[in-house]
Amino acid sequence: MDPISWDDFMQVELRVGTIVAAEAFPQARKPAWKLTVDFGPDIGQRRSSAQLTALYQPAQLIGKQVLAVLNFPPKQIGPFVSECLVTGFYRDDGAVVLAVPDQPVPNGARLA
């Protein structure tokens, strides 16, 4: 693993947001949900395609705070444009577990 500098790390906009909408994304090549995440009044809402179908149903995702990268360029995924990358961890079986704060924090808060 190549080391990075503190300045490299500070370039990544890792922020918390609350999922306000989650819906099926049948056009995705790999099973995924289309998410709308609220990052607070300064940033607003962003959309993301997230491969979370193995462990999460849309109703479970609504209201959940998640950690996302906001400064990747938008990515076209079929007919959908993903505007942020919701983060998680792969389990041994390939399922993704969301990276979440263990206590509520303001939407838009940056990872310290």
N, C-alpha and C. Protein backbone atom coordinates (compact mmCIF):
# COMPACT_ATOMS: atom_id res chain seq x y z
N MET A 1 0.85 -1.17 0.00
CA MET A 1 0.00 0.00 0.00
C MET A 1 0.90 1.24 0.00
N ASP A 2 0.66 2.14 -0.96
CA ASP A 2 1.44 3.37 -1.04
C ASP A 2 0.93 4.39 -0.03
N PRO A 3 1.84 5.00 0.74
CA PRO A 3 1.39 6.03 1.69
C PRO A 3 0.94 7.30 0.95
N ILE A 4 0.02 8.03 1.57
CA ILE A 4 -0.40 9.33 1.04
C ILE A 4 -0.06 10.39 2.07
N SER A 5 -0.04 11.62 1.64
CA SER A 5 0.24 12.72 2.56
C SER A 5 -1.06 13.19 3.21
N TRP A 6 -0.93 13.99 4.26
CA TRP A 6 -2.09 14.59 4.90
C TRP A 6 -2.85 15.45 3.89
N ASP A 7 -2.10 16.19 3.06
CA ASP A 7 -2.74 17.03 2.04
C ASP A 7 -3.56 16.18 1.06
N ASP A 8 -3.06 14.99 0.69
CA ASP A 8 -3.83 14.09 -0.18
C ASP A 8 -5.15 13.72 0.49
N PHE A 9 -5.08 13.35 1.76
CA PHE A 9 -6.28 12.94 2.48
C PHE A 9 -7.27 14.10 2.58
N MET A 10 -6.78 15.29 2.82
CA MET A 10 -7.66 16.45 2.99
C MET A 10 -8.37 16.84 1.69
N GLN A 11 -7.89 16.35 0.56
CA GLN A 11 -8.56 16.63 -0.71
C GLN A 11 -9.85 15.83 -0.87
N VAL A 12 -10.00 14.75 -0.12
CA VAL A 12 -11.19 13.91 -0.23
C VAL A 12 -12.30 14.51 0.64
N GLU A 13 -13.42 14.84 0.02
CA GLU A 13 -14.57 15.40 0.74
C GLU A 13 -15.44 14.26 1.25
N LEU A 14 -15.10 13.75 2.42
CA LEU A 14 -15.89 12.71 3.08
C LEU A 14 -16.83 13.39 4.05
N ARG A 15 -18.13 13.30 3.76
CA ARG A 15 -19.13 14.00 4.57
C ARG A 15 -20.29 13.07 4.89
N VAL A 16 -21.00 13.41 5.96
CA VAL A 16 -22.15 12.63 6.38
C VAL A 16 -23.41 13.24 5.79
N GLY A 17 -24.34 12.37 5.44
CA GLY A 17 -25.65 12.79 4.96
C GLY A 17 -26.69 11.77 5.37
N THR A 18 -27.94 12.17 5.28
CA THR A 18 -29.05 11.30 5.64
C THR A 18 -29.78 10.86 4.38
N ILE A 19 -29.99 9.56 4.25
CA ILE A 19 -30.74 9.03 3.11
C ILE A 19 -32.20 9.44 3.25
N VAL A 20 -32.71 10.13 2.24
CA VAL A 20 -34.10 10.60 2.26
C VAL A 20 -34.98 9.85 1.26
N ALA A 21 -34.36 9.13 0.33
CA ALA A 21 -35.12 8.32 -0.63
C ALA A 21 -34.25 7.15 -1.08
N ALA A 22 -34.89 6.01 -1.29
CA ALA A 22 -34.21 4.81 -1.79
C ALA A 22 -35.21 4.06 -2.66
N GLU A 23 -34.77 3.70 -3.86
CA GLU A 23 -35.67 3.02 -4.79
C GLU A 23 -34.90 2.02 -5.63
N ALA A 24 -35.63 1.12 -6.23
CA ALA A 24 -35.04 0.09 -7.09
C ALA A 24 -34.33 0.73 -8.27
N PHE A 25 -33.30 0.05 -8.74
CA PHE A 25 -32.55 0.48 -9.92
C PHE A 25 -32.42 -0.73 -10.84
N PRO A 26 -33.51 -1.12 -11.50
CA PRO A 26 -33.50 -2.35 -12.30
C PRO A 26 -32.58 -2.30 -13.50
N GLN A 27 -32.19 -1.11 -13.96
CA GLN A 27 -31.31 -1.00 -15.13
C GLN A 27 -29.83 -1.23 -14.78
N ALA A 28 -29.49 -1.25 -13.51
CA ALA A 28 -28.09 -1.45 -13.11
C ALA A 28 -27.64 -2.86 -13.47
N ARG A 29 -26.37 -2.99 -13.89
CA ARG A 29 -25.83 -4.31 -14.23
C ARG A 29 -25.72 -5.20 -13.00
N LYS A 30 -25.28 -4.61 -11.88
CA LYS A 30 -25.23 -5.33 -10.60
C LYS A 30 -26.36 -4.78 -9.74
N PRO A 31 -27.00 -5.62 -8.94
CA PRO A 31 -28.12 -5.14 -8.14
C PRO A 31 -27.75 -3.92 -7.29
N ALA A 32 -28.58 -2.89 -7.36
CA ALA A 32 -28.27 -1.64 -6.65
C ALA A 32 -29.57 -0.90 -6.33
N TRP A 33 -29.46 0.02 -5.39
CA TRP A 33 -30.53 0.96 -5.09
C TRP A 33 -30.12 2.34 -5.56
N LYS A 34 -31.09 3.14 -5.98
CA LYS A 34 -30.87 4.56 -6.25
C LYS A 34 -31.18 5.30 -4.95
N LEU A 35 -30.21 6.03 -4.45
CA LEU A 35 -30.36 6.75 -3.19
C LEU A 35 -30.35 8.25 -3.42
N THR A 36 -31.12 8.98 -2.62
CA THR A 36 -31.02 10.42 -2.53
C THR A 36 -30.58 10.72 -1.10
N VAL A 37 -29.48 11.47 -0.98
CA VAL A 37 -28.87 11.73 0.32
C VAL A 37 -28.84 13.23 0.57
N ASP A 38 -29.32 13.64 1.73
CA ASP A 38 -29.34 15.06 2.13
C ASP A 38 -28.07 15.39 2.91
N PHE A 39 -27.28 16.31 2.36
CA PHE A 39 -26.04 16.74 3.01
C PHE A 39 -26.17 18.11 3.65
N GLY A 40 -27.38 18.53 3.95
CA GLY A 40 -27.61 19.78 4.66
C GLY A 40 -27.77 20.96 3.71
N PRO A 41 -28.10 22.14 4.28
CA PRO A 41 -28.43 23.31 3.46
C PRO A 41 -27.27 23.85 2.62
N ASP A 42 -26.05 23.70 3.06
CA ASP A 42 -24.92 24.23 2.30
C ASP A 42 -24.59 23.41 1.06
N ILE A 43 -24.85 22.11 1.12
CA ILE A 43 -24.51 21.20 0.01
C ILE A 43 -25.75 20.76 -0.74
N GLY A 44 -26.81 20.46 -0.02
CA GLY A 44 -28.04 20.01 -0.64
C GLY A 44 -28.09 18.50 -0.80
N GLN A 45 -28.96 18.04 -1.67
CA GLN A 45 -29.14 16.62 -1.90
C GLN A 45 -28.31 16.15 -3.08
N ARG A 46 -27.79 14.94 -2.96
CA ARG A 46 -27.06 14.29 -4.05
C ARG A 46 -27.63 12.89 -4.21
N ARG A 47 -27.50 12.36 -5.43
CA ARG A 47 -27.98 11.01 -5.72
C ARG A 47 -26.81 10.06 -5.90
N SER A 48 -27.05 8.80 -5.58
CA SER A 48 -26.00 7.79 -5.68
C SER A 48 -26.61 6.44 -6.01
N SER A 49 -25.89 5.66 -6.79
CA SER A 49 -26.23 4.26 -7.01
C SER A 49 -25.38 3.45 -6.04
N ALA A 50 -26.03 2.60 -5.25
CA ALA A 50 -25.30 1.87 -4.22
C ALA A 50 -25.66 0.39 -4.25
N GLN A 51 -24.65 -0.46 -4.31
CA GLN A 51 -24.84 -1.91 -4.36
C GLN A 51 -25.01 -2.45 -2.95
N LEU A 52 -26.17 -2.18 -2.38
CA LEU A 52 -26.47 -2.53 -0.99
C LEU A 52 -27.61 -3.52 -0.87
N THR A 53 -28.03 -4.11 -1.97
CA THR A 53 -29.26 -4.91 -1.98
C THR A 53 -29.16 -6.19 -1.16
N ALA A 54 -27.97 -6.70 -0.93
CA ALA A 54 -27.82 -7.95 -0.18
C ALA A 54 -28.20 -7.79 1.29
N LEU A 55 -27.97 -6.61 1.86
CA LEU A 55 -28.18 -6.42 3.29
C LEU A 55 -29.24 -5.40 3.66
N TYR A 56 -29.66 -4.56 2.71
CA TYR A 56 -30.56 -3.46 3.04
C TYR A 56 -31.73 -3.40 2.06
N GLN A 57 -32.91 -3.13 2.60
CA GLN A 57 -34.09 -2.85 1.81
C GLN A 57 -34.32 -1.34 1.84
N PRO A 58 -34.97 -0.77 0.83
CA PRO A 58 -35.16 0.68 0.79
C PRO A 58 -35.73 1.27 2.07
N ALA A 59 -36.74 0.63 2.66
CA ALA A 59 -37.36 1.17 3.87
C ALA A 59 -36.37 1.25 5.03
N GLN A 60 -35.39 0.32 5.08
CA GLN A 60 -34.38 0.32 6.13
C GLN A 60 -33.39 1.47 5.96
N LEU A 61 -33.23 1.94 4.74
CA LEU A 61 -32.22 2.96 4.44
C LEU A 61 -32.71 4.37 4.74
N ILE A 62 -34.01 4.61 4.62
CA ILE A 62 -34.56 5.94 4.83
C ILE A 62 -34.26 6.39 6.27
N GLY A 63 -33.67 7.58 6.40
CA GLY A 63 -33.33 8.13 7.71
C GLY A 63 -31.96 7.73 8.22
N LYS A 64 -31.27 6.83 7.53
CA LYS A 64 -29.94 6.38 7.97
C LYS A 64 -28.90 7.39 7.53
N GLN A 65 -28.01 7.75 8.46
CA GLN A 65 -26.88 8.61 8.11
C GLN A 65 -25.76 7.75 7.54
N VAL A 66 -25.12 8.26 6.47
CA VAL A 66 -24.06 7.52 5.79
C VAL A 66 -22.88 8.46 5.52
N LEU A 67 -21.73 7.88 5.29
CA LEU A 67 -20.53 8.61 4.93
C LEU A 67 -20.35 8.50 3.42
N ALA A 68 -20.13 9.64 2.75
CA ALA A 68 -20.02 9.64 1.30
C ALA A 68 -18.89 10.55 0.83
N VAL A 69 -18.31 10.20 -0.31
CA VAL A 69 -17.32 11.05 -0.97
C VAL A 69 -18.09 11.96 -1.93
N LEU A 70 -17.91 13.27 -1.77
CA LEU A 70 -18.67 14.23 -2.57
C LEU A 70 -17.90 14.81 -3.73
N ASN A 71 -16.58 14.66 -3.76
CA ASN A 71 -15.85 15.35 -4.82
C ASN A 71 -15.31 14.44 -5.92
N PHE A 72 -15.94 13.28 -6.12
CA PHE A 72 -15.71 12.52 -7.34
C PHE A 72 -16.54 13.18 -8.44
N PRO A 73 -16.11 13.09 -9.69
CA PRO A 73 -16.97 13.62 -10.76
C PRO A 73 -18.23 12.77 -10.88
N PRO A 74 -19.33 13.35 -11.36
CA PRO A 74 -20.55 12.55 -11.58
C PRO A 74 -20.24 11.36 -12.49
N LYS A 75 -20.92 10.23 -12.22
CA LYS A 75 -20.70 9.01 -13.00
C LYS A 75 -22.02 8.55 -13.60
N GLN A 76 -22.03 8.39 -14.91
CA GLN A 76 -23.22 7.89 -15.61
C GLN A 76 -23.28 6.38 -15.43
N ILE A 77 -24.39 5.90 -14.86
CA ILE A 77 -24.61 4.47 -14.67
C ILE A 77 -25.93 4.15 -15.36
N GLY A 78 -25.85 3.70 -16.60
CA GLY A 78 -27.05 3.49 -17.40
C GLY A 78 -27.77 4.82 -17.55
N PRO A 79 -29.07 4.87 -17.23
CA PRO A 79 -29.83 6.10 -17.38
C PRO A 79 -29.72 7.04 -16.17
N PHE A 80 -28.88 6.70 -15.20
CA PHE A 80 -28.80 7.39 -13.92
C PHE A 80 -27.44 8.05 -13.76
N VAL A 81 -27.40 9.25 -13.18
CA VAL A 81 -26.14 9.93 -12.88
C VAL A 81 -25.91 9.88 -11.38
N SER A 82 -24.83 9.22 -10.97
CA SER A 82 -24.45 9.13 -9.57
C SER A 82 -23.59 10.35 -9.24
N GLU A 83 -23.98 11.10 -8.20
CA GLU A 83 -23.33 12.37 -7.87
C GLU A 83 -22.43 12.29 -6.64
N CYS A 84 -22.41 11.15 -5.96
CA CYS A 84 -21.54 10.95 -4.80
C CYS A 84 -21.33 9.45 -4.63
N LEU A 85 -20.34 9.10 -3.84
CA LEU A 85 -20.04 7.69 -3.56
C LEU A 85 -20.35 7.40 -2.10
N VAL A 86 -21.42 6.66 -1.85
CA VAL A 86 -21.75 6.22 -0.50
C VAL A 86 -20.77 5.11 -0.14
N THR A 87 -20.14 5.20 1.03
CA THR A 87 -19.07 4.28 1.39
C THR A 87 -19.56 3.11 2.24
N GLY A 88 -18.81 2.03 2.18
CA GLY A 88 -19.10 0.85 2.97
C GLY A 88 -17.93 -0.10 2.95
N PHE A 89 -18.12 -1.23 3.57
CA PHE A 89 -17.08 -2.25 3.70
C PHE A 89 -17.58 -3.57 3.12
N TYR A 90 -16.72 -4.26 2.36
CA TYR A 90 -17.09 -5.57 1.83
C TYR A 90 -16.91 -6.64 2.90
N ARG A 91 -17.93 -7.49 3.03
CA ARG A 91 -17.80 -8.68 3.86
C ARG A 91 -17.17 -9.79 3.02
N ASP A 92 -16.81 -10.89 3.66
CA ASP A 92 -16.23 -12.02 2.94
C ASP A 92 -17.14 -12.55 1.84
N ASP A 93 -18.46 -12.43 2.03
CA ASP A 93 -19.40 -12.93 1.03
C ASP A 93 -19.69 -11.92 -0.08
N GLY A 94 -19.01 -10.76 -0.04
CA GLY A 94 -19.18 -9.75 -1.07
C GLY A 94 -20.25 -8.72 -0.77
N ALA A 95 -21.05 -8.93 0.26
CA ALA A 95 -22.08 -7.95 0.64
C ALA A 95 -21.41 -6.70 1.19
N VAL A 96 -22.06 -5.55 0.98
CA VAL A 96 -21.51 -4.28 1.45
C VAL A 96 -22.26 -3.83 2.70
N VAL A 97 -21.48 -3.52 3.75
CA VAL A 97 -21.99 -2.97 5.00
C VAL A 97 -21.70 -1.48 4.98
N LEU A 98 -22.70 -0.65 5.19
CA LEU A 98 -22.53 0.80 5.13
C LEU A 98 -21.57 1.31 6.20
N ALA A 99 -20.79 2.34 5.84
CA ALA A 99 -19.97 3.09 6.81
C ALA A 99 -20.86 4.20 7.36
N VAL A 100 -21.14 4.14 8.66
CA VAL A 100 -22.08 5.08 9.27
C VAL A 100 -21.50 5.62 10.58
N PRO A 101 -21.90 6.86 10.95
CA PRO A 101 -21.50 7.35 12.28
C PRO A 101 -22.27 6.58 13.35
N ASP A 102 -21.65 6.39 14.52
CA ASP A 102 -22.35 5.65 15.57
C ASP A 102 -23.22 6.54 16.45
N GLN A 103 -23.20 7.85 16.19
CA GLN A 103 -24.11 8.80 16.84
C GLN A 103 -24.53 9.83 15.80
N PRO A 104 -25.69 10.45 15.97
CA PRO A 104 -26.14 11.46 15.00
C PRO A 104 -25.18 12.65 14.94
N VAL A 105 -24.94 13.14 13.74
CA VAL A 105 -24.14 14.34 13.52
C VAL A 105 -24.86 15.18 12.48
N PRO A 106 -24.55 16.49 12.40
CA PRO A 106 -25.23 17.33 11.42
C PRO A 106 -24.92 16.89 9.98
N ASN A 107 -25.94 16.88 9.14
CA ASN A 107 -25.73 16.58 7.72
C ASN A 107 -24.72 17.57 7.15
N GLY A 108 -23.78 17.05 6.38
CA GLY A 108 -22.74 17.87 5.79
C GLY A 108 -21.46 17.89 6.60
N ALA A 109 -21.48 17.34 7.82
CA ALA A 109 -20.27 17.33 8.64
C ALA A 109 -19.17 16.55 7.92
N ARG A 110 -17.96 17.09 7.99
CA ARG A 110 -16.82 16.47 7.32
C ARG A 110 -16.12 15.49 8.25
N LEU A 111 -15.64 14.39 7.68
CA LEU A 111 -14.89 13.42 8.44
C LEU A 111 -13.64 14.09 9.02
N ALA A 112 -13.42 13.92 10.30
CA ALA A 112 -12.27 14.54 10.97
C ALA A 112 -11.11 13.58 11.03
